[in-house]
Amino acid sequence: MTDAVKKDRPEFRNIHFIKDLPNYRMPLASVVSFAHRVSGALLVLLLPLVLFLLDTSLANETSFDYFKVFSSGWCVKLAILAMAWGYLQHFCSGIRHLIMDLHVGLDKDSARQSATSVLVVSLTLTSLVGFKLFGVF
């Protein structure tokens, strides 16, 4: 191609992390995909802690009573809510990815709709868990 025929498009060769990435607008489908990866990493990293806490709480009645009193704090409830969000987000977006593996909803509009529905469903379920956890109902 000659220079006269080329379109004027920006070239991104060395993207500066701090300067260029805040200005980059990711599509909603990529936000859901990124959240799927973050929630999966959160689940994998917190699994040993959750298993340890479960094993310790089932060891005897005294440790169960300790965790029962310890879990009434708001900091622990926020950690539980974060783990619930991780599970619900990963589950909902995992279903979306499995459906996309069947070659359903791969066009741009369907991908945007499914990403929106995943965010709405996972955040709604997470807010319901949060309301129940903090004693709203």
C-alpha atoms as a PDB file:
ATOM      1  CA  MET A   1       0.000   0.000   0.000  1.00  0.00           C
ATOM      2  CA  THR A   2       1.186   3.437  -0.739  1.00  0.00           C
ATOM      3  CA  ASP A   3       1.082   6.315   1.702  1.00  0.00           C
ATOM      4  CA  ALA A   4      -1.733   8.011  -0.231  1.00  0.00           C
ATOM      5  CA  VAL A   5      -4.074   5.032   0.202  1.00  0.00           C
ATOM      6  CA  LYS A   6      -3.378   4.404   3.901  1.00  0.00           C
ATOM      7  CA  LYS A   7      -5.951   5.647   6.369  1.00  0.00           C
ATOM      8  CA  ASP A   8      -4.870   7.888   9.199  1.00  0.00           C
ATOM      9  CA  ARG A   9      -5.195   5.594  12.181  1.00  0.00           C
ATOM     10  CA  PRO A  10      -3.383   5.983  15.459  1.00  0.00           C
ATOM     11  CA  GLU A  11      -0.546   3.596  16.116  1.00  0.00           C
ATOM     12  CA  PHE A  12      -0.149   2.156  19.573  1.00  0.00           C
ATOM     13  CA  ARG A  13       3.264   0.623  19.923  1.00  0.00           C
ATOM     14  CA  ASN A  14       4.480   1.378  23.410  1.00  0.00           C
ATOM     15  CA  ILE A  15       1.417   1.897  25.560  1.00  0.00           C
ATOM     16  CA  HIS A  16       2.295   3.697  28.749  1.00  0.00           C
ATOM     17  CA  PHE A  17       0.420   2.049  31.624  1.00  0.00           C
ATOM     18  CA  ILE A  18      -0.335   5.156  33.683  1.00  0.00           C
ATOM     19  CA  LYS A  19      -0.744   7.678  30.871  1.00  0.00           C
ATOM     20  CA  ASP A  20      -2.677   5.718  28.198  1.00  0.00           C
ATOM     21  CA  LEU A  21      -4.791   3.100  29.978  1.00  0.00           C
ATOM     22  CA  PRO A  22      -7.075   5.474  31.939  1.00  0.00           C
ATOM     23  CA  ASN A  23      -8.164   7.005  28.623  1.00  0.00           C
ATOM     24  CA  TYR A  24      -8.883   3.631  27.009  1.00  0.00           C
ATOM     25  CA  ARG A  25     -12.581   2.754  27.116  1.00  0.00           C
ATOM     26  CA  MET A  26     -13.179  -0.980  27.272  1.00  0.00           C
ATOM     27  CA  PRO A  27     -16.410  -2.452  25.891  1.00  0.00           C
ATOM     28  CA  LEU A  28     -18.833  -3.959  28.392  1.00  0.00           C
ATOM     29  CA  ALA A  29     -18.064  -7.501  27.226  1.00  0.00           C
ATOM     30  CA  SER A  30     -14.387  -7.025  28.058  1.00  0.00           C
ATOM     31  CA  VAL A  31     -15.284  -5.616  31.480  1.00  0.00           C
ATOM     32  CA  VAL A  32     -17.312  -8.780  32.202  1.00  0.00           C
ATOM     33  CA  SER A  33     -14.478 -10.971  30.918  1.00  0.00           C
ATOM     34  CA  PHE A  34     -11.977  -9.125  33.117  1.00  0.00           C
ATOM     35  CA  ALA A  35     -14.315  -9.436  36.115  1.00  0.00           C
ATOM     36  CA  HIS A  36     -14.576 -13.177  35.401  1.00  0.00           C
ATOM     37  CA  ARG A  37     -10.797 -13.483  35.626  1.00  0.00           C
ATOM     38  CA  VAL A  38     -10.555 -11.336  38.768  1.00  0.00           C
ATOM     39  CA  SER A  39     -13.339 -13.249  40.516  1.00  0.00           C
ATOM     40  CA  GLY A  40     -11.749 -16.564  39.570  1.00  0.00           C
ATOM     41  CA  ALA A  41      -8.411 -15.457  40.985  1.00  0.00           C
ATOM     42  CA  LEU A  42     -10.177 -14.228  44.132  1.00  0.00           C
ATOM     43  CA  LEU A  43     -11.853 -17.598  44.576  1.00  0.00           C
ATOM     44  CA  VAL A  44      -8.635 -19.542  44.036  1.00  0.00           C
ATOM     45  CA  LEU A  45      -6.628 -17.367  46.407  1.00  0.00           C
ATOM     46  CA  LEU A  46      -9.242 -17.394  49.176  1.00  0.00           C
ATOM     47  CA  LEU A  47     -10.075 -21.103  48.953  1.00  0.00           C
ATOM     48  CA  PRO A  48      -7.279 -22.231  51.334  1.00  0.00           C
ATOM     49  CA  LEU A  49      -8.380 -19.636  53.906  1.00  0.00           C
ATOM     50  CA  VAL A  50     -12.020 -20.688  53.676  1.00  0.00           C
ATOM     51  CA  LEU A  51     -11.108 -24.368  54.011  1.00  0.00           C
ATOM     52  CA  PHE A  52      -8.899 -23.609  57.013  1.00  0.00           C
ATOM     53  CA  LEU A  53     -11.674 -21.630  58.693  1.00  0.00           C
ATOM     54  CA  LEU A  54     -14.165 -24.420  58.000  1.00  0.00           C
ATOM     55  CA  ASP A  55     -11.810 -27.072  59.371  1.00  0.00           C
ATOM     56  CA  THR A  56     -11.078 -25.001  62.465  1.00  0.00           C
ATOM     57  CA  SER A  57     -14.731 -24.245  63.139  1.00  0.00           C
ATOM     58  CA  LEU A  58     -15.639 -27.930  62.880  1.00  0.00           C
ATOM     59  CA  ALA A  59     -12.823 -29.054  65.174  1.00  0.00           C
ATOM     60  CA  ASN A  60     -14.650 -28.443  68.453  1.00  0.00           C
ATOM     61  CA  GLU A  61     -17.464 -26.438  69.998  1.00  0.00           C
ATOM     62  CA  THR A  62     -15.208 -23.752  71.445  1.00  0.00           C
ATOM     63  CA  SER A  63     -13.715 -22.816  68.074  1.00  0.00           C
ATOM     64  CA  PHE A  64     -17.195 -22.768  66.520  1.00  0.00           C
ATOM     65  CA  ASP A  65     -18.394 -20.356  69.225  1.00  0.00           C
ATOM     66  CA  TYR A  66     -15.303 -18.190  68.633  1.00  0.00           C
ATOM     67  CA  PHE A  67     -16.017 -17.934  64.896  1.00  0.00           C
ATOM     68  CA  LYS A  68     -19.677 -17.286  65.606  1.00  0.00           C
ATOM     69  CA  VAL A  69     -18.782 -14.237  67.724  1.00  0.00           C
ATOM     70  CA  PHE A  70     -15.990 -13.210  65.321  1.00  0.00           C
ATOM     71  CA  SER A  71     -18.291 -13.245  62.285  1.00  0.00           C
ATOM     72  CA  SER A  72     -20.597 -10.596  63.714  1.00  0.00           C
ATOM     73  CA  GLY A  73     -18.177  -7.755  62.829  1.00  0.00           C
ATOM     74  CA  TRP A  74     -18.733  -5.594  59.757  1.00  0.00           C
ATOM     75  CA  CYS A  75     -15.213  -6.222  58.415  1.00  0.00           C
ATOM     76  CA  VAL A  76     -15.814  -9.961  58.289  1.00  0.00           C
ATOM     77  CA  LYS A  77     -19.197  -9.391  56.696  1.00  0.00           C
ATOM     78  CA  LEU A  78     -17.575  -7.287  53.977  1.00  0.00           C
ATOM     79  CA  ALA A  79     -15.063 -10.081  53.322  1.00  0.00           C
ATOM     80  CA  ILE A  80     -17.917 -12.581  53.093  1.00  0.00           C
ATOM     81  CA  LEU A  81     -19.742 -10.234  50.723  1.00  0.00           C
ATOM     82  CA  ALA A  82     -16.610  -9.964  48.540  1.00  0.00           C
ATOM     83  CA  MET A  83     -16.365 -13.746  48.378  1.00  0.00           C
ATOM     84  CA  ALA A  84     -20.074 -13.970  47.538  1.00  0.00           C
ATOM     85  CA  TRP A  85     -19.602 -11.421  44.756  1.00  0.00           C
ATOM     86  CA  GLY A  86     -16.632 -13.402  43.441  1.00  0.00           C
ATOM     87  CA  TYR A  87     -18.628 -16.604  43.347  1.00  0.00           C
ATOM     88  CA  LEU A  88     -21.776 -15.083  41.827  1.00  0.00           C
ATOM     89  CA  GLN A  89     -19.874 -13.052  39.220  1.00  0.00           C
ATOM     90  CA  HIS A  90     -17.731 -16.031  38.240  1.00  0.00           C
ATOM     91  CA  PHE A  91     -20.763 -18.318  38.057  1.00  0.00           C
ATOM     92  CA  CYS A  92     -22.905 -15.954  35.938  1.00  0.00           C
ATOM     93  CA  SER A  93     -20.135 -14.989  33.541  1.00  0.00           C
ATOM     94  CA  GLY A  94     -19.034 -18.622  33.345  1.00  0.00           C
ATOM     95  CA  ILE A  95     -22.498 -19.548  32.098  1.00  0.00           C
ATOM     96  CA  ARG A  96     -22.190 -16.729  29.551  1.00  0.00           C
ATOM     97  CA  HIS A  97     -18.833 -18.079  28.369  1.00  0.00           C
ATOM     98  CA  LEU A  98     -20.211 -21.622  28.104  1.00  0.00           C
ATOM     99  CA  ILE A  99     -23.081 -20.382  25.949  1.00  0.00           C
ATOM    100  CA  MET A 100     -20.624 -18.468  23.794  1.00  0.00           C
ATOM    101  CA  ASP A 101     -18.586 -21.680  23.406  1.00  0.00           C
ATOM    102  CA  LEU A 102     -21.667 -23.104  21.679  1.00  0.00           C
ATOM    103  CA  HIS A 103     -21.342 -20.222  19.153  1.00  0.00           C
ATOM    104  CA  VAL A 104     -24.469 -18.486  20.417  1.00  0.00           C
ATOM    105  CA  GLY A 105     -24.466 -14.731  20.875  1.00  0.00           C
ATOM    106  CA  LEU A 106     -21.101 -13.944  19.342  1.00  0.00           C
ATOM    107  CA  ASP A 107     -22.166 -10.870  17.394  1.00  0.00           C
ATOM    108  CA  LYS A 108     -21.635  -7.434  18.867  1.00  0.00           C
ATOM    109  CA  ASP A 109     -25.199  -6.688  19.979  1.00  0.00           C
ATOM    110  CA  SER A 110     -25.784 -10.103  21.556  1.00  0.00           C
ATOM    111  CA  ALA A 111     -22.443  -9.940  23.367  1.00  0.00           C
ATOM    112  CA  ARG A 112     -23.343  -6.514  24.765  1.00  0.00           C
ATOM    113  CA  GLN A 113     -26.776  -7.767  25.877  1.00  0.00           C
ATOM    114  CA  SER A 114     -25.380 -10.876  27.536  1.00  0.00           C
ATOM    115  CA  ALA A 115     -22.670  -8.843  29.287  1.00  0.00           C
ATOM    116  CA  THR A 116     -25.288  -6.423  30.568  1.00  0.00           C
ATOM    117  CA  SER A 117     -27.488  -9.256  31.790  1.00  0.00           C
ATOM    118  CA  VAL A 118     -24.547 -10.915  33.562  1.00  0.00           C
ATOM    119  CA  LEU A 119     -23.708  -7.683  35.378  1.00  0.00           C
ATOM    120  CA  VAL A 120     -27.332  -7.027  36.329  1.00  0.00           C
ATOM    121  CA  VAL A 121     -27.965 -10.581  37.571  1.00  0.00           C
ATOM    122  CA  SER A 122     -24.692 -10.927  39.498  1.00  0.00           C
ATOM    123  CA  LEU A 123     -24.941  -7.496  41.138  1.00  0.00           C
ATOM    124  CA  THR A 124     -28.612  -8.057  42.014  1.00  0.00           C
ATOM    125  CA  LEU A 125     -27.828 -11.405  43.631  1.00  0.00           C
ATOM    126  CA  THR A 126     -24.837  -9.901  45.435  1.00  0.00           C
ATOM    127  CA  SER A 127     -26.972  -7.061  46.788  1.00  0.00           C
ATOM    128  CA  LEU A 128     -29.557  -9.594  48.003  1.00  0.00           C
ATOM    129  CA  VAL A 129     -26.806 -11.532  49.785  1.00  0.00           C
ATOM    130  CA  GLY A 130     -25.539  -8.254  51.280  1.00  0.00           C
ATOM    131  CA  PHE A 131     -28.992  -7.267  52.481  1.00  0.00           C
ATOM    132  CA  LYS A 132     -29.439 -10.668  54.106  1.00  0.00           C
ATOM    133  CA  LEU A 133     -25.917 -10.588  55.567  1.00  0.00           C
ATOM    134  CA  PHE A 134     -26.333  -7.151  57.149  1.00  0.00           C
ATOM    135  CA  GLY A 135     -29.805  -7.969  58.476  1.00  0.00           C
ATOM    136  CA  VAL A 136     -32.026  -5.817  56.281  1.00  0.00           C
ATOM    137  CA  PHE A 137     -34.468  -8.727  55.929  1.00  0.00           C
END
